[in-house]
Protein backbone atom coordinates (compact mmCIF):
# COMPACT_ATOMS: atom_id res chain seq x y z
CA MET A 1 128.76 67.45 109.13
CA ASN A 2 131.10 70.45 109.31
CA ILE A 3 130.23 73.40 107.37
CA ASN A 4 133.61 74.90 106.05
CA GLU A 5 134.04 78.60 104.69
CA ASN A 6 134.05 77.57 101.36
CA THR A 7 130.67 75.77 101.84
CA LYS A 8 129.32 79.35 103.49
CA ASN A 9 130.45 81.39 100.81
CA GLN A 10 128.51 79.45 98.06
CA PHE A 11 125.19 79.80 99.45
CA SER A 12 125.87 83.32 100.71
CA GLU A 13 126.70 84.34 97.08
CA THR A 14 123.70 82.52 95.73
CA MET A 15 120.66 82.69 98.44
CA LYS A 16 119.89 86.44 99.43
CA TYR A 17 117.97 85.22 102.31
CA ASN A 18 118.02 85.01 106.21
CA GLU A 19 121.42 84.36 107.73
CA LEU A 20 121.18 80.78 109.59
CA THR A 21 122.55 79.14 111.76
CA ASN A 22 125.18 76.17 111.43
CA ALA A 23 122.44 74.44 113.19
CA GLU A 24 119.88 75.74 110.96
CA LYS A 25 121.90 75.22 107.63
CA ARG A 26 122.34 71.46 108.46
CA VAL A 27 118.45 71.18 108.30
CA ILE A 28 117.27 73.53 105.86
CA LEU A 29 120.17 73.27 103.32
CA PHE A 30 121.61 69.65 103.74
CA LYS A 31 118.18 68.07 104.82
CA GLU A 32 119.40 66.50 108.23
CA THR A 33 116.56 66.18 110.72
CA GLU A 34 116.80 67.25 114.49
CA ARG A 35 116.80 65.53 116.96
CA PRO A 36 112.41 64.62 118.42
CA PHE A 37 111.66 66.55 121.21
CA SER A 38 114.05 68.90 120.49
CA GLY A 39 112.65 71.74 119.28
CA GLU A 40 111.62 74.65 120.66
CA LEU A 41 108.20 74.99 118.94
CA LEU A 42 107.10 71.47 119.52
CA ASN A 43 105.10 72.31 122.26
CA ASN A 44 104.11 75.45 121.18
CA LYS A 45 100.35 76.52 121.28
CA LYS A 46 99.95 79.80 120.90
CA ASP A 47 97.73 81.46 118.02
CA GLY A 48 99.61 82.74 114.96
CA THR A 49 101.78 81.47 112.07
CA TYR A 50 104.71 79.28 110.95
CA VAL A 51 106.97 81.09 108.52
CA CYS A 52 110.01 79.83 106.53
CA LYS A 53 113.11 80.31 108.54
CA GLN A 54 114.90 81.09 105.72
CA CYS A 55 113.12 83.15 103.58
CA ASP A 56 109.42 84.43 106.59
CA ALA A 57 107.28 82.64 103.73
CA PRO A 58 103.81 81.80 105.48
CA LEU A 59 103.47 77.59 105.39
CA PHE A 60 101.13 76.77 108.39
CA ARG A 61 98.23 78.18 110.80
CA SER A 62 98.59 77.52 114.24
CA SER A 63 94.56 76.00 114.40
CA ASP A 64 96.05 73.20 112.03
CA LYS A 65 98.69 72.19 114.24
CA PHE A 66 97.79 68.84 116.42
CA ASP A 67 100.26 66.78 118.75
CA SER A 68 100.77 63.51 116.87
CA GLN A 69 103.59 62.67 119.90
CA CYS A 70 106.30 62.07 117.21
CA GLY A 71 108.65 64.48 118.78
CA TRP A 72 108.32 67.04 116.02
CA PRO A 73 105.55 69.74 115.25
CA SER A 74 102.86 68.41 113.16
CA PHE A 75 99.98 70.13 110.64
CA ASP A 76 97.09 68.61 109.23
CA ASP A 77 97.20 71.60 106.54
CA GLU A 78 99.29 73.95 104.79
CA ILE A 79 98.30 77.47 103.98
CA ASP A 80 97.62 77.05 99.99
CA GLY A 81 100.80 77.33 97.78
CA ALA A 82 102.98 77.39 100.54
CA ILE A 83 104.42 74.04 100.08
CA LYS A 84 106.31 71.71 97.56
CA ARG A 85 106.13 67.98 98.01
CA VAL A 86 109.12 66.34 96.37
CA ASN A 87 110.15 62.24 96.03
CA ASP A 88 112.63 61.85 99.40
CA ALA A 89 115.95 60.71 98.30
CA ASP A 90 115.48 57.59 100.59
CA GLY A 91 112.93 56.69 97.60
CA ILE A 92 110.11 56.25 99.83
CA ARG A 93 108.99 59.10 101.86
CA THR A 94 107.82 62.38 100.75
CA GLU A 95 109.77 65.44 101.24
CA ILE A 96 107.75 68.77 101.95
CA ILE A 97 109.98 71.99 101.01
CA CYS A 98 109.16 75.95 101.27
CA LEU A 99 107.74 76.34 97.59
CA ASN A 100 109.11 80.12 97.82
CA CYS A 101 113.14 78.79 98.51
CA GLY A 102 113.18 75.21 98.92
CA ALA A 103 114.38 75.06 102.52
CA HIS A 104 114.20 71.77 103.45
CA LEU A 105 111.02 71.59 106.04
CA GLY A 106 110.38 68.07 106.72
CA HIS A 107 107.98 64.76 105.54
CA LEU A 108 104.78 64.06 104.45
CA PHE A 109 102.47 61.38 106.05
CA LEU A 110 99.26 59.65 104.89
CA ASN A 111 96.27 58.04 106.21
CA GLU A 112 97.78 57.91 110.14
CA GLY A 113 94.62 58.60 111.58
CA PHE A 114 95.55 61.34 113.45
CA THR A 115 92.82 63.58 112.36
CA SER A 116 89.85 63.61 109.68
CA LYS A 117 92.22 65.20 106.90
CA GLN A 118 94.33 61.76 106.89
CA ILE A 119 97.87 64.09 106.51
CA ARG A 120 100.39 65.30 108.52
CA TYR A 121 103.00 67.38 107.85
CA CYS A 122 105.99 66.18 110.10
CA VAL A 123 108.83 69.33 110.20
CA ASN A 124 111.71 70.32 111.84
CA SER A 125 111.12 72.92 114.60
CA ILE A 126 114.30 74.69 113.12
CA SER A 127 113.14 74.91 109.39
CA LEU A 128 110.21 77.49 111.47
CA LYS A 129 109.56 81.34 112.33
CA PHE A 130 107.02 81.57 114.83
CA ILE A 131 104.90 84.76 114.36
CA PRO A 132 101.95 85.26 116.82
CA ASN A 133 98.75 87.19 116.62
CA ILE A 134 98.97 90.07 118.23
CA LYS A 135 95.40 90.22 118.71
CA ASN A 136 92.81 88.03 116.91
CA THR A 137 89.95 90.31 116.21
CA LEU A 138 88.03 87.53 114.28
CA LYS A 139 84.87 85.80 115.59
CA LYS A 140 82.97 83.02 114.26
CA ALA A 141 79.63 81.77 114.20
CA TYR A 142 77.86 77.65 113.05
CA PHE A 143 75.06 77.92 110.74
CA ALA A 144 73.08 74.43 109.71
CA SER A 145 71.18 75.22 106.19
CA GLY A 146 70.98 71.38 105.08
CA CYS A 147 73.54 70.10 103.06
CA PHE A 148 76.63 72.11 104.31
CA TRP A 149 77.99 71.92 100.77
CA GLY A 150 75.69 74.88 99.50
CA THR A 151 75.69 76.53 103.10
CA GLU A 152 79.71 77.10 102.56
CA TYR A 153 79.32 78.35 98.98
CA PHE A 154 77.37 81.20 100.02
CA PHE A 155 79.30 82.37 103.12
CA MET A 156 82.99 81.94 101.65
CA LYS A 157 81.71 84.48 99.33
CA ALA A 158 80.14 86.87 101.25
CA PRO A 159 82.22 90.21 102.24
CA GLY A 160 84.32 90.18 105.46
CA VAL A 161 84.25 86.13 105.73
CA THR A 162 87.84 85.04 106.08
CA ARG A 163 87.21 81.01 105.94
CA THR A 164 85.12 78.56 106.18
CA GLN A 165 84.97 74.96 107.13
CA VAL A 166 82.27 72.19 107.40
CA GLY A 167 81.49 69.34 109.81
CA PHE A 168 79.33 68.40 112.19
CA MET A 169 77.50 69.87 115.65
CA GLY A 170 74.88 69.20 118.12
CA GLY A 171 75.08 65.76 118.48
CA ASN A 172 76.45 62.67 120.97
CA VAL A 173 79.03 60.77 119.41
CA GLU A 174 82.76 62.08 119.50
CA ASN A 175 84.36 62.87 115.86
CA PRO A 176 81.55 61.75 113.71
CA THR A 177 82.17 60.57 110.18
CA TYR A 178 79.69 61.69 107.14
CA GLU A 179 78.46 58.10 106.90
CA GLN A 180 77.54 57.89 110.87
CA VAL A 181 76.15 61.63 110.24
CA CYS A 182 73.75 59.98 107.39
CA GLN A 183 72.70 57.23 109.40
CA LYS A 184 70.63 59.78 111.19
CA ASN A 185 70.95 58.67 114.80
CA THR A 186 74.11 60.49 116.05
CA GLY A 187 72.09 63.98 116.62
CA HIS A 188 74.07 65.73 114.52
CA PHE A 189 73.59 68.52 112.16
CA GLU A 190 75.37 69.44 109.14
CA CYS A 191 76.81 72.53 110.13
CA THR A 192 79.38 75.45 108.57
CA GLU A 193 81.58 76.97 110.70
CA VAL A 194 82.18 80.96 109.24
CA GLU A 195 85.36 83.26 110.70
CA TYR A 196 84.51 86.74 109.66
CA ASP A 197 86.07 90.18 110.79
CA PRO A 198 83.52 92.49 112.57
CA LYS A 199 85.33 95.62 110.93
CA ILE A 200 83.93 94.56 107.76
CA THR A 201 80.95 92.82 108.21
CA SER A 202 78.19 91.76 111.44
CA TYR A 203 76.72 89.04 113.01
CA GLU A 204 73.58 90.40 111.24
CA GLU A 205 74.78 90.19 107.90
CA MET A 206 75.76 86.87 108.58
CA LEU A 207 72.08 85.98 109.95
CA LYS A 208 70.58 87.87 107.14
CA LEU A 209 72.94 85.62 104.36
CA PHE A 210 71.80 82.57 106.19
CA PHE A 211 68.17 83.15 106.12
CA GLU A 212 68.23 84.42 102.55
CA THR A 213 70.13 81.35 101.12
CA HIS A 214 67.41 78.64 102.11
CA ASP A 215 64.15 77.58 103.21
CA PHE A 216 63.83 78.30 106.74
CA THR A 217 60.65 77.63 106.62
CA GLN A 218 60.84 73.79 105.73
CA THR A 219 60.76 71.27 108.98
CA ASP A 220 62.20 68.01 107.77
CA GLY A 221 65.24 68.92 105.86
CA GLN A 222 66.33 71.30 103.08
CA GLY A 223 64.95 70.55 99.43
CA PRO A 224 65.47 66.94 98.41
CA ASP A 225 67.25 65.98 101.66
CA ILE A 226 65.40 64.63 104.33
CA GLY A 227 66.34 63.65 108.00
CA PRO A 228 67.30 65.31 111.05
CA GLN A 229 71.12 66.31 110.19
CA TYR A 230 69.56 68.68 107.03
CA GLN A 231 67.31 70.69 109.67
CA SER A 232 67.47 74.59 109.89
CA CYS A 233 69.56 75.72 112.95
CA ILE A 234 71.12 78.77 114.41
CA PHE A 235 74.19 77.49 116.65
CA TYR A 236 74.56 80.83 118.98
CA SER A 237 77.84 81.54 120.96
CA SER A 238 76.51 84.18 123.18
CA GLN A 239 73.44 85.30 124.79
CA GLU A 240 74.22 88.29 122.34
CA GLU A 241 74.21 86.06 119.52
CA LYS A 242 71.10 84.47 120.31
CA GLN A 243 69.12 87.72 121.14
CA VAL A 244 69.68 88.97 117.14
CA ALA A 245 68.81 85.67 115.86
CA GLU A 246 65.55 85.82 117.95
CA LYS A 247 65.11 89.19 116.62
CA TYR A 248 65.25 88.32 113.15
CA ILE A 249 62.75 85.30 113.19
CA ASN A 250 60.32 87.44 115.49
CA ILE A 251 61.07 89.99 111.95
CA LEU A 252 60.24 87.11 109.81
CA ILE A 253 57.16 85.94 111.22
CA LYS A 254 55.83 89.50 111.30
CA MET A 255 56.93 88.96 107.44
CA GLY A 256 54.54 86.18 107.15
CA TYR A 257 56.89 83.73 107.89
CA ASP A 258 56.77 80.05 109.06
CA VAL A 259 59.86 79.73 110.79
CA ALA A 260 61.20 76.08 111.85
CA THR A 261 64.68 77.62 112.12
CA ILE A 262 66.22 75.94 115.59
CA LEU A 263 68.02 77.75 118.06
CA LYS A 264 70.54 75.86 120.21
CA PRO A 265 73.68 76.83 122.34
CA THR A 266 77.12 76.07 120.09
CA SER A 267 78.70 72.72 120.89
CA VAL A 268 82.02 71.22 119.98
CA PHE A 269 82.34 71.54 116.19
CA TRP A 270 83.76 68.40 114.25
CA GLU A 271 85.60 68.84 111.18
CA ALA A 272 84.09 67.04 107.90
CA GLU A 273 86.28 64.92 105.90
CA ASP A 274 88.44 66.85 103.71
CA TYR A 275 86.97 66.18 100.41
CA HIS A 276 83.79 67.79 101.84
CA GLN A 277 85.52 71.35 102.27
CA GLU A 278 85.00 73.94 99.71
CA TYR A 279 83.32 71.12 97.77
CA TYR A 280 81.60 73.70 95.00
CA LYS A 281 85.09 75.34 94.82
CA HIS A 282 86.69 72.41 94.03
CA LYS A 283 83.86 70.62 91.83
CA GLY A 284 82.50 73.19 90.43
CA GLY A 285 78.79 73.79 89.37
CA ARG A 286 76.09 75.31 92.06
CA PRO A 287 74.15 74.08 94.99
CA TYR A 288 71.27 71.94 94.14
CA CYS A 289 69.00 72.97 97.12
CA HIS A 290 70.11 76.39 97.86
CA ASN A 291 69.73 79.39 96.13
CA TYR A 292 69.94 83.65 97.16
CA LYS A 293 66.66 85.07 97.51
CA LYS A 294 66.58 88.97 98.65
CA ILE A 295 64.13 89.22 102.13
CA PHE A 296 65.28 91.67 104.21
CA ILE A 297 65.30 95.43 102.56
CA MET A 298 67.14 97.26 105.76
């Protein structure tokens, strides 16, 4: 497509965004598609954020990018409220556009089996800019305390926690489904991944919240949820984390508690199906087997 001066002037008058090259305009404004395997961000594996080329609005996190081998950058999640879905002009596909400025990004595809979320945002590389994280100071911790809906409920509300997600850890089956884990023979625990900012909180504060929001003396599950996948467990990522966990277990023992919590080194964290994520935020209500009880005065 040739973009003449009249067309250029039309868009410059109506849009006050970043200046685009002709190639960028063909995709972002006129909804063309770049050649597969030609985009400079296709194989980018750096940690950071993908933003709109036209308006700089944050669209996708690098942690949600995956290789679908389709020839365009693929993501299985968006930054909340960043993307608008519209019917494509072909009457078949779903187009995705930047909610902030309307820039054409690509298309949305469902139920292809690439990830557990069963969603693929197929995005033109030329529609994106990548902003690398200069230094990622965030840390992650992994806790199992029964049904992961309830565990996540309390952690996602905690000061300094930037993100949570639920899944499975500690088993012997790759990429297990919830149904498989419920059969109680995969060796997995229902686990919550907690991302936190150590400038605001600490691993010790995460441990305190872990112990204060479930019955760590129960040996066969948690509340009415009985089974090995519901046992109390701390997955430690370093010897330092293990030592801190042992410190608090010993404190609890001295306080008279019969602590049943298990300590295990971290292994692969398999993210659970999308409908499990932030369950109580979407469904409402409160956990049925988790309650907060203040234990530590210090």
